[in-house]
Amino acid sequence: TDRGEIFIRFGEPDAVEDHPFNYGTQPYQIWSYYRHGRRFIFVDDNGLGDFRILVPYWDDRTRM
């Protein structure tokens, strides 16, 4: 899974913001890694707990 890959590469996130039931949006989570200066946003498009990575946009600054 996308979250699993990020967890394996970076370890446990420093902070997790969980947004399961926001009106007008899909459920999503934001994982922050302060020590790496990175933030990853995962969205559950189908509502079944299958979170896919939305952010970061892969550029030179955010490349893994």
C-alpha atoms as a PDB file:
ATOM      1  CA  THR A   1       0.000   0.000   0.000  1.00  0.00           C
ATOM      2  CA  ASP A   2       1.063   3.616  -0.352  1.00  0.00           C
ATOM      3  CA  ARG A   3       1.060   4.171   3.411  1.00  0.00           C
ATOM      4  CA  GLY A   4       3.057   0.981   3.903  1.00  0.00           C
ATOM      5  CA  GLU A   5       5.716   2.090   1.442  1.00  0.00           C
ATOM      6  CA  ILE A   6       6.103   5.471   3.143  1.00  0.00           C
ATOM      7  CA  PHE A   7       6.228   3.788   6.558  1.00  0.00           C
ATOM      8  CA  ILE A   8       8.973   1.415   5.399  1.00  0.00           C
ATOM      9  CA  ARG A   9      11.027   4.232   3.839  1.00  0.00           C
ATOM     10  CA  PHE A  10      10.645   6.850   6.569  1.00  0.00           C
ATOM     11  CA  GLY A  11       9.463   4.997   9.669  1.00  0.00           C
ATOM     12  CA  GLU A  12       6.705   6.135  11.985  1.00  0.00           C
ATOM     13  CA  PRO A  13       5.506   9.671  11.210  1.00  0.00           C
ATOM     14  CA  ASP A  14       6.132  12.446  13.732  1.00  0.00           C
ATOM     15  CA  ALA A  15       2.471  13.486  13.489  1.00  0.00           C
ATOM     16  CA  VAL A  16      -0.695  12.083  11.898  1.00  0.00           C
ATOM     17  CA  GLU A  17      -3.765  14.207  11.189  1.00  0.00           C
ATOM     18  CA  ASP A  18      -6.772  11.956  10.655  1.00  0.00           C
ATOM     19  CA  HIS A  19      -9.810  13.421   8.863  1.00  0.00           C
ATOM     20  CA  PRO A  20     -12.293  10.540   8.555  1.00  0.00           C
ATOM     21  CA  PHE A  21     -15.580  12.431   8.204  1.00  0.00           C
ATOM     22  CA  ASN A  22     -15.275  15.917   6.737  1.00  0.00           C
ATOM     23  CA  TYR A  23     -18.346  17.198   4.906  1.00  0.00           C
ATOM     24  CA  GLY A  24     -17.721  17.425   1.151  1.00  0.00           C
ATOM     25  CA  THR A  25     -14.381  15.571   1.146  1.00  0.00           C
ATOM     26  CA  GLN A  26     -13.171  12.011   1.074  1.00  0.00           C
ATOM     27  CA  PRO A  27     -11.542  10.633   4.242  1.00  0.00           C
ATOM     28  CA  TYR A  28      -7.864  11.575   4.342  1.00  0.00           C
ATOM     29  CA  GLN A  29      -4.759  11.506   6.502  1.00  0.00           C
ATOM     30  CA  ILE A  30      -1.737  13.776   6.609  1.00  0.00           C
ATOM     31  CA  TRP A  31       1.548  12.243   7.737  1.00  0.00           C
ATOM     32  CA  SER A  32       4.257  14.715   8.749  1.00  0.00           C
ATOM     33  CA  TYR A  33       7.949  13.936   9.044  1.00  0.00           C
ATOM     34  CA  TYR A  34       9.470  17.018  10.618  1.00  0.00           C
ATOM     35  CA  ARG A  35      12.963  15.527  10.748  1.00  0.00           C
ATOM     36  CA  HIS A  36      12.880  14.998   6.959  1.00  0.00           C
ATOM     37  CA  GLY A  37      10.933  18.138   6.075  1.00  0.00           C
ATOM     38  CA  ARG A  38       8.245  16.094   4.313  1.00  0.00           C
ATOM     39  CA  ARG A  39       4.487  15.755   4.400  1.00  0.00           C
ATOM     40  CA  PHE A  40       2.366  13.079   2.742  1.00  0.00           C
ATOM     41  CA  ILE A  41      -1.389  13.227   2.165  1.00  0.00           C
ATOM     42  CA  PHE A  42      -3.335  10.013   1.675  1.00  0.00           C
ATOM     43  CA  VAL A  43      -6.942   9.919   0.417  1.00  0.00           C
ATOM     44  CA  ASP A  44      -9.480   7.078   0.720  1.00  0.00           C
ATOM     45  CA  ASP A  45     -11.360   7.484  -2.578  1.00  0.00           C
ATOM     46  CA  ASN A  46     -13.656   4.479  -2.197  1.00  0.00           C
ATOM     47  CA  GLY A  47     -14.394   4.692   1.550  1.00  0.00           C
ATOM     48  CA  LEU A  48     -13.032   1.210   2.208  1.00  0.00           C
ATOM     49  CA  GLY A  49      -9.807   2.166   3.991  1.00  0.00           C
ATOM     50  CA  ASP A  50      -7.606   1.942   0.889  1.00  0.00           C
ATOM     51  CA  PHE A  51      -5.658   5.185   1.281  1.00  0.00           C
ATOM     52  CA  ARG A  52      -3.698   6.297  -1.788  1.00  0.00           C
ATOM     53  CA  ILE A  53      -0.988   8.924  -1.771  1.00  0.00           C
ATOM     54  CA  LEU A  54      -2.088  12.310  -3.070  1.00  0.00           C
ATOM     55  CA  VAL A  55       0.803  14.513  -2.022  1.00  0.00           C
ATOM     56  CA  PRO A  56       3.718  15.150  -2.443  1.00  0.00           C
ATOM     57  CA  TYR A  57       3.978  16.147  -6.009  1.00  0.00           C
ATOM     58  CA  TRP A  58       7.165  14.448  -7.100  1.00  0.00           C
ATOM     59  CA  ASP A  59       9.746  17.094  -7.883  1.00  0.00           C
ATOM     60  CA  ASP A  60      13.442  17.479  -7.023  1.00  0.00           C
ATOM     61  CA  ARG A  61      12.657  18.753  -3.523  1.00  0.00           C
ATOM     62  CA  THR A  62      10.219  15.971  -2.615  1.00  0.00           C
ATOM     63  CA  ARG A  63      11.750  13.016  -4.464  1.00  0.00           C
ATOM     64  CA  MET A  64      12.296   9.966  -2.272  1.00  0.00           C
END
